[in-house]
Amino acid sequence: MKRRLSRFVELAARGRRRHAVANDTPGVKVISWNLLRRTGATVHDVAALIEAEQPDILLMQEATVEIDILPDVIGGHYARSPLPGRIHGVACWSRLPFARPPRACTIPSGPIVKRHAQIIEYAQFSLANVHLSHGQMLNRRQLRRIASLLSAPCAILGDFNLVGPTLVPGFADVGPKAPTHRMVDLLPIRLDRCLVEGMVCSEARVLPVFASDHRPIAVTLQPEIGLKPAVFAYR
């Protein structure tokens, strides 16, 4: 009984904290989008999305070298991390400078495609941009590895290729619940996710279909009150 009461008090306090944060501080709008490498969104499609939605941060998966001119088209700050042996990888665009250059961190991978996560650091929070494997045990291992690289407040966004619960202790799935992809053009499925620890999501939505086989997701995030900036442990 005491344990339940203690848990209830903790959750109530967390709810009050989140309410205060959501009303007192501006959020950061983050969009995540799988571009579908060469046959999907072009750099001009990406720039059009930025112009239309005005995100603070855009995370991309399956970004190719053609996307590297994005800062020349629309300004901002940009970094891309190609997957080993592939023409594409994860990339990020930001209105504000990064606290340090984004870096690629190795995660458990299958025998064919080697994977890594792009870790992005800001002054008050951190993000992991991911494109996970299709294996449902492997992609959950990858998520746990990525979570171990981050400290709250932080978020993990991207194409999870995952069905069902993420099973990452300490993280909440706050992304939109609507489908973001049609498997074999038939089955609607939610592959694009947002997990947070020590952050509040005040808005989450799936954006319209546009230029790719994945719909972008948009979330508005902010750190919870009382949390110190993230400390990174790249291993």
C-alpha atoms as a PDB file:
ATOM      1  CA  MET A   1       0.000   0.000   0.000  1.00  0.00           C
ATOM      2  CA  LYS A   2       2.816   2.420   0.910  1.00  0.00           C
ATOM      3  CA  ARG A   3       4.559   1.647  -2.351  1.00  0.00           C
ATOM      4  CA  ARG A   4       1.372   2.330  -4.338  1.00  0.00           C
ATOM      5  CA  LEU A   5       0.792   5.569  -2.458  1.00  0.00           C
ATOM      6  CA  SER A   6       4.380   6.659  -3.084  1.00  0.00           C
ATOM      7  CA  ARG A   7       4.006   5.866  -6.787  1.00  0.00           C
ATOM      8  CA  PHE A   8       0.742   7.826  -6.950  1.00  0.00           C
ATOM      9  CA  VAL A   9       2.362  10.861  -5.315  1.00  0.00           C
ATOM     10  CA  GLU A  10       5.301  10.648  -7.742  1.00  0.00           C
ATOM     11  CA  LEU A  11       3.011  10.497 -10.777  1.00  0.00           C
ATOM     12  CA  ALA A  12       0.888  13.364  -9.491  1.00  0.00           C
ATOM     13  CA  ALA A  13       3.970  15.508  -8.924  1.00  0.00           C
ATOM     14  CA  ARG A  14       5.229  14.659 -12.401  1.00  0.00           C
ATOM     15  CA  GLY A  15       1.861  15.648 -13.868  1.00  0.00           C
ATOM     16  CA  ARG A  16       1.978  19.011 -12.071  1.00  0.00           C
ATOM     17  CA  ARG A  17       5.533  19.556 -13.346  1.00  0.00           C
ATOM     18  CA  ARG A  18       4.520  18.808 -16.907  1.00  0.00           C
ATOM     19  CA  HIS A  19       1.523  21.102 -16.720  1.00  0.00           C
ATOM     20  CA  ALA A  20       3.748  23.937 -15.487  1.00  0.00           C
ATOM     21  CA  VAL A  21       6.302  23.328 -18.206  1.00  0.00           C
ATOM     22  CA  ALA A  22       3.689  23.147 -20.951  1.00  0.00           C
ATOM     23  CA  ASN A  23       2.226  26.507 -19.941  1.00  0.00           C
ATOM     24  CA  ASP A  24       5.321  28.456 -18.930  1.00  0.00           C
ATOM     25  CA  THR A  25       7.999  27.671 -21.523  1.00  0.00           C
ATOM     26  CA  PRO A  26       7.985  27.445 -25.314  1.00  0.00           C
ATOM     27  CA  GLY A  27       8.383  24.018 -26.862  1.00  0.00           C
ATOM     28  CA  VAL A  28      10.777  22.844 -29.535  1.00  0.00           C
ATOM     29  CA  LYS A  29       9.090  21.541 -32.668  1.00  0.00           C
ATOM     30  CA  VAL A  30      10.781  18.417 -34.022  1.00  0.00           C
ATOM     31  CA  ILE A  31       9.840  16.641 -37.249  1.00  0.00           C
ATOM     32  CA  SER A  32      11.082  13.184 -38.196  1.00  0.00           C
ATOM     33  CA  TRP A  33      10.795  11.900 -41.771  1.00  0.00           C
ATOM     34  CA  ASN A  34      12.002   8.872 -43.713  1.00  0.00           C
ATOM     35  CA  LEU A  35      12.776  10.340 -47.138  1.00  0.00           C
ATOM     36  CA  LEU A  36      12.823   7.027 -49.114  1.00  0.00           C
ATOM     37  CA  ARG A  37      16.362   7.603 -50.418  1.00  0.00           C
ATOM     38  CA  ARG A  38      16.687   8.340 -54.165  1.00  0.00           C
ATOM     39  CA  THR A  39      13.090   7.675 -55.266  1.00  0.00           C
ATOM     40  CA  GLY A  40      11.388   9.696 -52.522  1.00  0.00           C
ATOM     41  CA  ALA A  41      11.720  13.244 -51.224  1.00  0.00           C
ATOM     42  CA  THR A  42      14.225  15.573 -52.888  1.00  0.00           C
ATOM     43  CA  VAL A  43      16.100  18.380 -51.195  1.00  0.00           C
ATOM     44  CA  HIS A  44      13.467  20.788 -52.513  1.00  0.00           C
ATOM     45  CA  ASP A  45      10.707  18.649 -50.983  1.00  0.00           C
ATOM     46  CA  VAL A  46      12.545  18.801 -47.653  1.00  0.00           C
ATOM     47  CA  ALA A  47      12.936  22.570 -47.942  1.00  0.00           C
ATOM     48  CA  ALA A  48       9.224  22.876 -48.762  1.00  0.00           C
ATOM     49  CA  LEU A  49       8.330  20.906 -45.640  1.00  0.00           C
ATOM     50  CA  ILE A  50      10.508  23.188 -43.517  1.00  0.00           C
ATOM     51  CA  GLU A  51       8.895  26.260 -45.050  1.00  0.00           C
ATOM     52  CA  ALA A  52       5.388  24.891 -44.502  1.00  0.00           C
ATOM     53  CA  GLU A  53       5.782  23.485 -40.967  1.00  0.00           C
ATOM     54  CA  GLN A  54       8.507  25.756 -39.534  1.00  0.00           C
ATOM     55  CA  PRO A  55      10.179  23.111 -37.333  1.00  0.00           C
ATOM     56  CA  ASP A  56      13.091  23.943 -35.060  1.00  0.00           C
ATOM     57  CA  ILE A  57      14.668  20.572 -35.834  1.00  0.00           C
ATOM     58  CA  LEU A  58      14.180  18.137 -38.718  1.00  0.00           C
ATOM     59  CA  LEU A  59      15.446  14.565 -38.406  1.00  0.00           C
ATOM     60  CA  MET A  60      15.733  12.527 -41.600  1.00  0.00           C
ATOM     61  CA  GLN A  61      16.248   8.870 -42.404  1.00  0.00           C
ATOM     62  CA  GLU A  62      17.384   7.447 -45.755  1.00  0.00           C
ATOM     63  CA  ALA A  63      19.012  10.779 -46.601  1.00  0.00           C
ATOM     64  CA  THR A  64      21.482  10.651 -49.505  1.00  0.00           C
ATOM     65  CA  VAL A  65      24.297  12.947 -50.570  1.00  0.00           C
ATOM     66  CA  GLU A  66      21.765  14.957 -52.603  1.00  0.00           C
ATOM     67  CA  ILE A  67      20.304  16.281 -49.336  1.00  0.00           C
ATOM     68  CA  ASP A  68      23.674  17.767 -48.300  1.00  0.00           C
ATOM     69  CA  ILE A  69      22.909  21.057 -50.088  1.00  0.00           C
ATOM     70  CA  LEU A  70      19.930  21.700 -47.786  1.00  0.00           C
ATOM     71  CA  PRO A  71      21.706  24.501 -45.829  1.00  0.00           C
ATOM     72  CA  ASP A  72      22.458  26.245 -49.128  1.00  0.00           C
ATOM     73  CA  VAL A  73      18.766  26.061 -50.073  1.00  0.00           C
ATOM     74  CA  ILE A  74      17.194  27.110 -46.773  1.00  0.00           C
ATOM     75  CA  GLY A  75      19.987  27.974 -44.326  1.00  0.00           C
ATOM     76  CA  GLY A  76      20.361  26.471 -40.867  1.00  0.00           C
ATOM     77  CA  HIS A  77      22.762  23.818 -39.590  1.00  0.00           C
ATOM     78  CA  TYR A  78      23.053  20.305 -40.992  1.00  0.00           C
ATOM     79  CA  ALA A  79      24.864  16.995 -40.534  1.00  0.00           C
ATOM     80  CA  ARG A  80      24.514  13.590 -42.210  1.00  0.00           C
ATOM     81  CA  SER A  81      25.811  10.207 -41.082  1.00  0.00           C
ATOM     82  CA  PRO A  82      25.751   7.633 -43.950  1.00  0.00           C
ATOM     83  CA  LEU A  83      25.286   4.001 -42.963  1.00  0.00           C
ATOM     84  CA  PRO A  84      28.366   1.859 -43.672  1.00  0.00           C
ATOM     85  CA  GLY A  85      28.290   0.575 -47.242  1.00  0.00           C
ATOM     86  CA  ARG A  86      25.004   2.322 -48.058  1.00  0.00           C
ATOM     87  CA  ILE A  87      24.080   5.340 -50.181  1.00  0.00           C
ATOM     88  CA  HIS A  88      21.840   6.682 -47.434  1.00  0.00           C
ATOM     89  CA  GLY A  89      21.862   7.374 -43.715  1.00  0.00           C
ATOM     90  CA  VAL A  90      20.441   9.551 -40.960  1.00  0.00           C
ATOM     91  CA  ALA A  91      20.658  13.344 -41.206  1.00  0.00           C
ATOM     92  CA  CYS A  92      19.542  16.320 -39.139  1.00  0.00           C
ATOM     93  CA  TRP A  93      18.776  19.974 -39.813  1.00  0.00           C
ATOM     94  CA  SER A  94      18.454  22.655 -37.134  1.00  0.00           C
ATOM     95  CA  ARG A  95      17.650  26.365 -37.001  1.00  0.00           C
ATOM     96  CA  LEU A  96      20.045  26.850 -34.092  1.00  0.00           C
ATOM     97  CA  PRO A  97      23.657  25.671 -33.856  1.00  0.00           C
ATOM     98  CA  PHE A  98      24.334  22.306 -32.245  1.00  0.00           C
ATOM     99  CA  ALA A  99      26.101  22.301 -28.872  1.00  0.00           C
ATOM    100  CA  ARG A 100      28.651  19.966 -30.488  1.00  0.00           C
ATOM    101  CA  PRO A 101      28.820  18.328 -33.914  1.00  0.00           C
ATOM    102  CA  PRO A 102      26.311  15.457 -34.209  1.00  0.00           C
ATOM    103  CA  ARG A 103      28.007  12.094 -34.096  1.00  0.00           C
ATOM    104  CA  ALA A 104      27.221   8.559 -35.201  1.00  0.00           C
ATOM    105  CA  CYS A 105      27.204   5.892 -32.495  1.00  0.00           C
ATOM    106  CA  THR A 106      27.342   2.202 -33.354  1.00  0.00           C
ATOM    107  CA  ILE A 107      24.390   0.048 -32.329  1.00  0.00           C
ATOM    108  CA  PRO A 108      23.814  -3.734 -32.570  1.00  0.00           C
ATOM    109  CA  SER A 109      23.247  -4.622 -36.222  1.00  0.00           C
ATOM    110  CA  GLY A 110      22.161  -7.506 -38.379  1.00  0.00           C
ATOM    111  CA  PRO A 111      24.479  -9.408 -40.741  1.00  0.00           C
ATOM    112  CA  ILE A 112      23.522  -7.357 -43.827  1.00  0.00           C
ATOM    113  CA  VAL A 113      22.914  -3.714 -42.877  1.00  0.00           C
ATOM    114  CA  LYS A 114      25.179  -2.062 -40.317  1.00  0.00           C
ATOM    115  CA  ARG A 115      23.320   0.522 -38.264  1.00  0.00           C
ATOM    116  CA  HIS A 116      24.167   3.527 -36.148  1.00  0.00           C
ATOM    117  CA  ALA A 117      22.257   6.284 -34.385  1.00  0.00           C
ATOM    118  CA  GLN A 118      22.911   9.982 -34.851  1.00  0.00           C
ATOM    119  CA  ILE A 119      23.254  11.657 -31.450  1.00  0.00           C
ATOM    120  CA  ILE A 120      22.478  15.385 -31.433  1.00  0.00           C
ATOM    121  CA  GLU A 121      23.310  17.579 -28.462  1.00  0.00           C
ATOM    122  CA  TYR A 122      21.778  20.907 -27.537  1.00  0.00           C
ATOM    123  CA  ALA A 123      22.336  23.026 -24.432  1.00  0.00           C
ATOM    124  CA  GLN A 124      19.206  21.776 -22.630  1.00  0.00           C
ATOM    125  CA  PHE A 125      18.439  18.344 -24.120  1.00  0.00           C
ATOM    126  CA  SER A 126      19.634  15.661 -26.504  1.00  0.00           C
ATOM    127  CA  LEU A 127      18.109  13.738 -29.402  1.00  0.00           C
ATOM    128  CA  ALA A 128      18.841  10.426 -31.066  1.00  0.00           C
ATOM    129  CA  ASN A 129      17.925  10.122 -34.752  1.00  0.00           C
ATOM    130  CA  VAL A 130      17.393   6.461 -35.650  1.00  0.00           C
ATOM    131  CA  HIS A 131      16.577   4.098 -38.494  1.00  0.00           C
ATOM    132  CA  LEU A 132      16.313   0.711 -36.810  1.00  0.00           C
ATOM    133  CA  SER A 133      16.453  -2.820 -38.182  1.00  0.00           C
ATOM    134  CA  HIS A 134      13.360  -4.828 -39.126  1.00  0.00           C
ATOM    135  CA  GLY A 135      13.964  -7.680 -36.674  1.00  0.00           C
ATOM    136  CA  GLN A 136      11.580  -7.194 -33.752  1.00  0.00           C
ATOM    137  CA  MET A 137      14.055  -8.443 -31.148  1.00  0.00           C
ATOM    138  CA  LEU A 138      17.027  -6.713 -32.732  1.00  0.00           C
ATOM    139  CA  ASN A 139      15.398  -3.279 -33.017  1.00  0.00           C
ATOM    140  CA  ARG A 140      14.426  -3.397 -29.333  1.00  0.00           C
ATOM    141  CA  ARG A 141      18.051  -4.243 -28.459  1.00  0.00           C
ATOM    142  CA  GLN A 142      19.101  -1.272 -30.568  1.00  0.00           C
ATOM    143  CA  LEU A 143      16.704   1.002 -28.689  1.00  0.00           C
ATOM    144  CA  ARG A 144      18.029  -0.122 -25.309  1.00  0.00           C
ATOM    145  CA  ARG A 145      21.586   0.532 -26.511  1.00  0.00           C
ATOM    146  CA  ILE A 146      20.646   4.026 -27.696  1.00  0.00           C
ATOM    147  CA  ALA A 147      18.845   4.750 -24.418  1.00  0.00           C
ATOM    148  CA  SER A 148      22.032   3.833 -22.537  1.00  0.00           C
ATOM    149  CA  LEU A 149      23.916   6.542 -24.460  1.00  0.00           C
ATOM    150  CA  LEU A 150      21.569   9.319 -23.348  1.00  0.00           C
ATOM    151  CA  SER A 151      20.668  11.052 -20.107  1.00  0.00           C
ATOM    152  CA  ALA A 152      17.411  12.875 -19.415  1.00  0.00           C
ATOM    153  CA  PRO A 153      16.110  15.147 -20.744  1.00  0.00           C
ATOM    154  CA  CYS A 154      16.307  13.373 -24.085  1.00  0.00           C
ATOM    155  CA  ALA A 155      14.271  11.916 -26.934  1.00  0.00           C
ATOM    156  CA  ILE A 156      14.644   9.152 -29.518  1.00  0.00           C
ATOM    157  CA  LEU A 157      12.900   9.723 -32.854  1.00  0.00           C
ATOM    158  CA  GLY A 158      12.877   8.126 -36.263  1.00  0.00           C
ATOM    159  CA  ASP A 159      11.855   5.062 -38.228  1.00  0.00           C
ATOM    160  CA  PHE A 160      11.696   2.293 -35.619  1.00  0.00           C
ATOM    161  CA  ASN A 161      10.512  -0.491 -37.985  1.00  0.00           C
ATOM    162  CA  LEU A 162       8.841  -1.785 -34.835  1.00  0.00           C
ATOM    163  CA  VAL A 163       5.393  -3.193 -34.111  1.00  0.00           C
ATOM    164  CA  GLY A 164       3.914  -3.035 -30.622  1.00  0.00           C
ATOM    165  CA  PRO A 165       5.437  -1.672 -27.402  1.00  0.00           C
ATOM    166  CA  THR A 166       9.049  -0.500 -27.450  1.00  0.00           C
ATOM    167  CA  LEU A 167       9.927  -1.972 -24.022  1.00  0.00           C
ATOM    168  CA  VAL A 168      12.534   0.675 -23.143  1.00  0.00           C
ATOM    169  CA  PRO A 169      12.553   1.264 -19.361  1.00  0.00           C
ATOM    170  CA  GLY A 170      12.198   4.901 -18.306  1.00  0.00           C
ATOM    171  CA  PHE A 171      11.033   6.136 -21.728  1.00  0.00           C
ATOM    172  CA  ALA A 172       7.486   7.083 -22.725  1.00  0.00           C
ATOM    173  CA  ASP A 173       6.100   6.706 -26.247  1.00  0.00           C
ATOM    174  CA  VAL A 174       4.619  10.163 -26.852  1.00  0.00           C
ATOM    175  CA  GLY A 175       4.541  10.269 -30.642  1.00  0.00           C
ATOM    176  CA  PRO A 176       1.314  10.326 -32.667  1.00  0.00           C
ATOM    177  CA  LYS A 177      -0.628   7.063 -32.709  1.00  0.00           C
ATOM    178  CA  ALA A 178      -1.859   7.283 -36.305  1.00  0.00           C
ATOM    179  CA  PRO A 179      -0.256   5.083 -39.018  1.00  0.00           C
ATOM    180  CA  THR A 180       2.785   6.540 -40.782  1.00  0.00           C
ATOM    181  CA  HIS A 181       3.399   3.904 -43.466  1.00  0.00           C
ATOM    182  CA  ARG A 182       1.550   1.348 -45.583  1.00  0.00           C
ATOM    183  CA  MET A 183       3.250  -2.033 -45.538  1.00  0.00           C
ATOM    184  CA  VAL A 184       3.315  -3.390 -49.128  1.00  0.00           C
ATOM    185  CA  ASP A 185       1.009  -0.469 -49.949  1.00  0.00           C
ATOM    186  CA  LEU A 186      -1.869  -2.144 -48.102  1.00  0.00           C
ATOM    187  CA  LEU A 187      -1.534  -2.417 -44.322  1.00  0.00           C
ATOM    188  CA  PRO A 188      -1.437   0.896 -42.383  1.00  0.00           C
ATOM    189  CA  ILE A 189       1.203   0.687 -39.665  1.00  0.00           C
ATOM    190  CA  ARG A 190       2.879   3.063 -37.198  1.00  0.00           C
ATOM    191  CA  LEU A 191       6.628   2.732 -37.758  1.00  0.00           C
ATOM    192  CA  ASP A 192       7.737   6.277 -36.963  1.00  0.00           C
ATOM    193  CA  ARG A 193       7.935   6.931 -33.225  1.00  0.00           C
ATOM    194  CA  CYS A 194       9.062   9.364 -30.537  1.00  0.00           C
ATOM    195  CA  LEU A 195      10.284   8.195 -27.109  1.00  0.00           C
ATOM    196  CA  VAL A 196      11.140  10.661 -24.352  1.00  0.00           C
ATOM    197  CA  GLU A 197      12.706  10.620 -20.918  1.00  0.00           C
ATOM    198  CA  GLY A 198      12.455  13.743 -18.764  1.00  0.00           C
ATOM    199  CA  MET A 199      10.668  15.650 -21.513  1.00  0.00           C
ATOM    200  CA  VAL A 200       7.085  16.747 -22.065  1.00  0.00           C
ATOM    201  CA  CYS A 201       5.234  16.415 -25.371  1.00  0.00           C
ATOM    202  CA  SER A 202       2.555  19.086 -25.732  1.00  0.00           C
ATOM    203  CA  GLU A 203       1.578  18.228 -29.319  1.00  0.00           C
ATOM    204  CA  ALA A 204       2.001  15.209 -31.584  1.00  0.00           C
ATOM    205  CA  ARG A 205       0.618  14.679 -35.066  1.00  0.00           C
ATOM    206  CA  VAL A 206       1.199  12.838 -38.314  1.00  0.00           C
ATOM    207  CA  LEU A 207       1.667  15.124 -41.295  1.00  0.00           C
ATOM    208  CA  PRO A 208       0.074  14.501 -44.726  1.00  0.00           C
ATOM    209  CA  VAL A 209       1.583  12.071 -47.222  1.00  0.00           C
ATOM    210  CA  PHE A 210       4.185  13.923 -49.232  1.00  0.00           C
ATOM    211  CA  ALA A 211       6.893  12.678 -51.643  1.00  0.00           C
ATOM    212  CA  SER A 212       7.802   9.547 -49.624  1.00  0.00           C
ATOM    213  CA  ASP A 213       6.244   6.246 -48.530  1.00  0.00           C
ATOM    214  CA  HIS A 214       6.466   7.451 -44.906  1.00  0.00           C
ATOM    215  CA  ARG A 215       4.401  10.282 -43.452  1.00  0.00           C
ATOM    216  CA  PRO A 216       6.434  12.722 -41.324  1.00  0.00           C
ATOM    217  CA  ILE A 217       5.660  12.978 -37.617  1.00  0.00           C
ATOM    218  CA  ALA A 218       5.787  16.291 -35.731  1.00  0.00           C
ATOM    219  CA  VAL A 219       6.113  16.663 -31.953  1.00  0.00           C
ATOM    220  CA  THR A 220       6.551  19.664 -29.673  1.00  0.00           C
ATOM    221  CA  LEU A 221       8.901  18.865 -26.782  1.00  0.00           C
ATOM    222  CA  GLN A 222      10.349  20.604 -23.754  1.00  0.00           C
ATOM    223  CA  PRO A 223      12.437  19.440 -20.774  1.00  0.00           C
ATOM    224  CA  GLU A 224      10.699  18.879 -17.471  1.00  0.00           C
ATOM    225  CA  ILE A 225      11.346  21.471 -14.768  1.00  0.00           C
ATOM    226  CA  GLY A 226      14.181  20.659 -12.400  1.00  0.00           C
ATOM    227  CA  LEU A 227      16.168  18.417 -14.741  1.00  0.00           C
ATOM    228  CA  LYS A 228      19.756  19.317 -15.432  1.00  0.00           C
ATOM    229  CA  PRO A 229      21.041  19.375 -19.034  1.00  0.00           C
ATOM    230  CA  ALA A 230      21.948  15.969 -20.405  1.00  0.00           C
ATOM    231  CA  VAL A 231      25.354  14.450 -19.744  1.00  0.00           C
ATOM    232  CA  PHE A 232      26.593  12.301 -22.615  1.00  0.00           C
ATOM    233  CA  ALA A 233      28.323   8.963 -22.318  1.00  0.00           C
ATOM    234  CA  TYR A 234      29.489   7.961 -25.783  1.00  0.00           C
ATOM    235  CA  ARG A 235      30.771   4.420 -25.555  1.00  0.00           C
END
